[in-house]
PDB file of N, CA and C in Angstrom:
ATOM      1  N   MET A   1      17.188  36.932  -0.651  1.00  0.00           N
ATOM      2  CA  MET A   1      17.895  36.402   0.361  1.00  0.00           C
ATOM      3  C   MET A   1      16.938  35.335   1.448  1.00  0.00           C
ATOM      4  N   THR A   2      17.668  34.182   1.544  1.00  0.00           N
ATOM      5  CA  THR A   2      16.258  32.968   2.583  1.00  0.00           C
ATOM      6  C   THR A   2      17.027  33.361   3.627  1.00  0.00           C
ATOM      7  N   THR A   3      15.889  32.469   5.059  1.00  0.00           N
ATOM      8  CA  THR A   3      16.535  32.952   6.158  1.00  0.00           C
ATOM      9  C   THR A   3      16.997  31.170   6.716  1.00  0.00           C
ATOM     10  N   PRO A   4      16.632  31.045   7.887  1.00  0.00           N
ATOM     11  CA  PRO A   4      17.245  29.422   8.310  1.00  0.00           C
ATOM     12  C   PRO A   4      15.837  28.846   8.558  1.00  0.00           C
ATOM     13  N   GLN A   5      14.889  29.847   8.949  1.00  0.00           N
ATOM     14  CA  GLN A   5      13.476  29.022   8.885  1.00  0.00           C
ATOM     15  C   GLN A   5      12.969  28.443   7.677  1.00  0.00           C
ATOM     16  N   SER A   6      13.007  29.212   6.526  1.00  0.00           N
ATOM     17  CA  SER A   6      12.550  29.001   4.973  1.00  0.00           C
ATOM     18  C   SER A   6      13.591  28.096   4.142  1.00  0.00           C
ATOM     19  N   GLU A   7      14.952  28.316   4.902  1.00  0.00           N
ATOM     20  CA  GLU A   7      15.697  26.773   4.903  1.00  0.00           C
ATOM     21  C   GLU A   7      15.390  25.699   5.448  1.00  0.00           C
ATOM     22  N   LEU A   8      15.122  25.731   6.444  1.00  0.00           N
ATOM     23  CA  LEU A   8      14.354  24.413   7.426  1.00  0.00           C
ATOM     24  C   LEU A   8      13.270  24.129   6.659  1.00  0.00           C
ATOM     25  N   ALA A   9      12.439  25.039   6.149  1.00  0.00           N
ATOM     26  CA  ALA A   9      11.244  24.381   5.655  1.00  0.00           C
ATOM     27  C   ALA A   9      11.289  23.927   4.365  1.00  0.00           C
ATOM     28  N   ILE A  10      12.223  24.325   3.281  1.00  0.00           N
ATOM     29  CA  ILE A  10      12.593  23.934   2.376  1.00  0.00           C
ATOM     30  C   ILE A  10      12.937  22.329   2.401  1.00  0.00           C
ATOM     31  N   GLY A  11      14.260  22.554   3.510  1.00  0.00           N
ATOM     32  CA  GLY A  11      14.338  20.837   3.449  1.00  0.00           C
ATOM     33  C   GLY A  11      13.518  19.715   4.440  1.00  0.00           C
ATOM     34  N   LEU A  12      13.175  20.486   5.216  1.00  0.00           N
ATOM     35  CA  LEU A  12      11.616  19.688   5.508  1.00  0.00           C
ATOM     36  C   LEU A  12      11.005  18.917   4.244  1.00  0.00           C
ATOM     37  N   LEU A  13      10.182  20.343   3.587  1.00  0.00           N
ATOM     38  CA  LEU A  13       9.471  19.612   2.619  1.00  0.00           C
ATOM     39  C   LEU A  13       9.751  18.820   1.447  1.00  0.00           C
ATOM     40  N   ILE A  14      11.347  18.866   1.170  1.00  0.00           N
ATOM     41  CA  ILE A  14      12.115  17.846   0.233  1.00  0.00           C
ATOM     42  C   ILE A  14      12.269  16.521   0.646  1.00  0.00           C
ATOM     43  N   ALA A  15      12.236  16.414   1.946  1.00  0.00           N
ATOM     44  CA  ALA A  15      12.298  14.799   3.046  1.00  0.00           C
ATOM     45  C   ALA A  15      10.826  14.275   2.801  1.00  0.00           C
ATOM     46  N   MET A  16      10.198  15.338   3.084  1.00  0.00           N
ATOM     47  CA  MET A  16       8.596  14.785   3.173  1.00  0.00           C
ATOM     48  C   MET A  16       8.051  14.396   1.885  1.00  0.00           C
ATOM     49  N   VAL A  17       8.604  15.107   0.971  1.00  0.00           N
ATOM     50  CA  VAL A  17       8.151  14.805  -0.704  1.00  0.00           C
ATOM     51  C   VAL A  17       8.988  13.676  -0.773  1.00  0.00           C
ATOM     52  N   ALA A  18      10.466  12.908  -0.491  1.00  0.00           N
ATOM     53  CA  ALA A  18      11.019  12.086  -0.697  1.00  0.00           C
ATOM     54  C   ALA A  18      10.690  10.710  -0.084  1.00  0.00           C
ATOM     55  N   GLY A  19      10.223  11.087   1.571  1.00  0.00           N
ATOM     56  CA  GLY A  19       9.239  10.127   2.113  1.00  0.00           C
ATOM     57  C   GLY A  19       8.318   9.677   1.398  1.00  0.00           C
ATOM     58  N   VAL A  20       7.245  10.328   0.993  1.00  0.00           N
ATOM     59  CA  VAL A  20       6.357  10.268  -0.394  1.00  0.00           C
ATOM     60  C   VAL A  20       6.611   9.272  -1.154  1.00  0.00           C
ATOM     61  N   VAL A  21       7.601   9.222  -2.055  1.00  0.00           N
ATOM     62  CA  VAL A  21       8.129   8.476  -3.018  1.00  0.00           C
ATOM     63  C   VAL A  21       8.360   7.715  -2.713  1.00  0.00           C
ATOM     64  N   VAL A  22       9.505   7.328  -1.820  1.00  0.00           N
ATOM     65  CA  VAL A  22       9.604   5.992  -1.427  1.00  0.00           C
ATOM     66  C   VAL A  22       9.127   4.868  -0.825  1.00  0.00           C
ATOM     67  N   THR A  23       7.656   5.686   0.051  1.00  0.00           N
ATOM     68  CA  THR A  23       6.445   5.126   0.565  1.00  0.00           C
ATOM     69  C   THR A  23       6.010   4.511  -0.600  1.00  0.00           C
ATOM     70  N   LEU A  24       5.998   5.735  -2.060  1.00  0.00           N
ATOM     71  CA  LEU A  24       4.707   4.457  -2.732  1.00  0.00           C
ATOM     72  C   LEU A  24       5.231   3.296  -3.811  1.00  0.00           C
ATOM     73  N   VAL A  25       6.860   3.637  -3.878  1.00  0.00           N
ATOM     74  CA  VAL A  25       7.397   2.402  -4.620  1.00  0.00           C
ATOM     75  C   VAL A  25       7.385   1.584  -3.633  1.00  0.00           C
ATOM     76  N   VAL A  26       7.882   1.444  -2.376  1.00  0.00           N
ATOM     77  CA  VAL A  26       7.814   0.277  -1.988  1.00  0.00           C
ATOM     78  C   VAL A  26       6.784  -0.688  -2.126  1.00  0.00           C
ATOM     79  N   GLY A  27       5.431   0.538  -1.838  1.00  0.00           N
ATOM     80  CA  GLY A  27       3.917   0.077  -1.635  1.00  0.00           C
ATOM     81  C   GLY A  27       3.806  -0.589  -2.940  1.00  0.00           C
ATOM     82  N   THR A  28       4.016  -0.168  -4.134  1.00  0.00           N
ATOM     83  CA  THR A  28       3.686  -0.853  -5.152  1.00  0.00           C
ATOM     84  C   THR A  28       4.556  -2.085  -5.441  1.00  0.00           C
ATOM     85  N   ALA A  29       5.910  -1.987  -5.301  1.00  0.00           N
ATOM     86  CA  ALA A  29       6.537  -2.839  -5.358  1.00  0.00           C
ATOM     87  C   ALA A  29       5.747  -4.092  -4.687  1.00  0.00           C
ATOM     88  N   ARG A  30       5.433  -4.215  -3.061  1.00  0.00           N
ATOM     89  CA  ARG A  30       4.922  -5.010  -2.242  1.00  0.00           C
ATOM     90  C   ARG A  30       3.367  -5.759  -2.956  1.00  0.00           C
ATOM     91  N   ILE A  31       2.694  -4.739  -3.575  1.00  0.00           N
ATOM     92  CA  ILE A  31       1.079  -5.078  -3.979  1.00  0.00           C
ATOM     93  C   ILE A  31       1.445  -5.944  -5.477  1.00  0.00           C
ATOM     94  N   THR A  32       2.675  -5.490  -6.426  1.00  0.00           N
ATOM     95  CA  THR A  32       3.075  -6.137  -7.540  1.00  0.00           C
ATOM     96  C   THR A  32       3.143  -7.514  -6.840  1.00  0.00           C
ATOM     97  N   GLN A  33       3.986  -7.646  -5.828  1.00  0.00           N
ATOM     98  CA  GLN A  33       4.616  -9.304  -5.375  1.00  0.00           C
ATOM     99  C   GLN A  33       3.047 -10.075  -5.205  1.00  0.00           C
ATOM    100  N   VAL A  34       2.544  -9.719  -4.174  1.00  0.00           N
ATOM    101  CA  VAL A  34       0.816  -9.738  -3.303  1.00  0.00           C
ATOM    102  C   VAL A  34       0.542 -10.224  -4.611  1.00  0.00           C
ATOM    103  N   ARG A  35       0.182  -9.372  -5.789  1.00  0.00           N
ATOM    104  CA  ARG A  35      -0.846 -10.012  -6.162  1.00  0.00           C
ATOM    105  C   ARG A  35      -0.090 -11.338  -7.393  1.00  0.00           C
ATOM    106  N   ARG A  36       1.125 -11.340  -7.650  1.00  0.00           N
ATOM    107  CA  ARG A  36       1.901 -12.313  -8.640  1.00  0.00           C
ATOM    108  C   ARG A  36       1.811 -13.674  -7.980  1.00  0.00           C
ATOM    109  N   LEU A  37       1.661 -13.340  -6.599  1.00  0.00           N
ATOM    110  CA  LEU A  37       1.719 -14.786  -5.828  1.00  0.00           C
ATOM    111  C   LEU A  37       0.295 -15.142  -5.924  1.00  0.00           C
ATOM    112  N   ALA A  38      -0.810 -14.239  -5.601  1.00  0.00           N
ATOM    113  CA  ALA A  38      -2.156 -14.698  -5.650  1.00  0.00           C
ATOM    114  C   ALA A  38      -2.398 -15.168  -6.991  1.00  0.00           C
ATOM    115  N   ARG A  39      -1.794 -14.845  -8.330  1.00  0.00           N
ATOM    116  CA  ARG A  39      -2.210 -15.386  -9.273  1.00  0.00           C
ATOM    117  C   ARG A  39      -1.750 -16.431  -9.586  1.00  0.00           C
ATOM    118  N   ARG A  40      -0.470 -16.982  -9.163  1.00  0.00           N
ATOM    119  CA  ARG A  40       0.547 -18.020  -9.234  1.00  0.00           C
ATOM    120  C   ARG A  40      -0.042 -19.119  -8.090  1.00  0.00           C
ATOM    121  N   HIS A  41      -0.660 -19.150  -7.168  1.00  0.00           N
ATOM    122  CA  HIS A  41      -1.619 -19.883  -6.611  1.00  0.00           C
ATOM    123  C   HIS A  41      -3.224 -20.356  -6.708  1.00  0.00           C
ATOM    124  N   ARG A  42      -3.528 -18.849  -7.117  1.00  0.00           N
ATOM    125  CA  ARG A  42      -4.699 -19.272  -7.901  1.00  0.00           C
ATOM    126  C   ARG A  42      -4.647 -20.370  -9.051  1.00  0.00           C
ATOM    127  N   ARG A  43      -3.985 -20.581 -10.185  1.00  0.00           N
ATOM    128  CA  ARG A  43      -3.493 -21.008 -10.888  1.00  0.00           C
ATOM    129  C   ARG A  43      -3.525 -22.402 -10.907  1.00  0.00           C
ATOM    130  N   SER A  44      -2.959 -22.788  -9.654  1.00  0.00           N
ATOM    131  CA  SER A  44      -2.287 -24.395  -9.438  1.00  0.00           C
ATOM    132  C   SER A  44      -3.097 -24.683  -7.983  1.00  0.00           C
ATOM    133  N   TRP A  45      -4.296 -23.788  -7.741  1.00  0.00           N
ATOM    134  CA  TRP A  45      -5.300 -23.920  -6.545  1.00  0.00           C
ATOM    135  C   TRP A  45      -6.078 -25.150  -6.698  1.00  0.00           C
ATOM    136  N   PRO A  46      -6.274 -26.645  -6.268  1.00  0.00           N
ATOM    137  CA  PRO A  46      -7.185 -27.120  -7.136  1.00  0.00           C
ATOM    138  C   PRO A  46      -8.802 -26.750  -6.544  1.00  0.00           C
ATOM    139  N   ARG A  47      -9.528 -26.714  -8.127  1.00  0.00           N
ATOM    140  CA  ARG A  47     -11.042 -26.100  -7.617  1.00  0.00           C
ATOM    141  C   ARG A  47     -12.169 -27.356  -7.363  1.00  0.00           C
ATOM    142  N   ALA A  48     -12.751 -27.013  -5.977  1.00  0.00           N
ATOM    143  CA  ALA A  48     -13.906 -28.107  -5.464  1.00  0.00           C
ATOM    144  C   ALA A  48     -14.894 -27.616  -5.820  1.00  0.00           C
ATOM    145  N   GLY A  49     -15.819 -29.205  -6.703  1.00  0.00           N
ATOM    146  CA  GLY A  49     -17.031 -28.965  -7.434  1.00  0.00           C
ATOM    147  C   GLY A  49     -16.708 -29.311  -8.455  1.00  0.00           C
TER     148      GLY A  49
END
């Protein structure tokens, strides 16, 4: 049998894990986007010297 407190705790735990997963996915996508952009600019950027 579960109590209201344990149900709340489980719900908060699930919400926390979901938040971490979303943050990791968005962060990874953004880092990948920035790396691609930097690589593209590095190839087309004229070198000094």
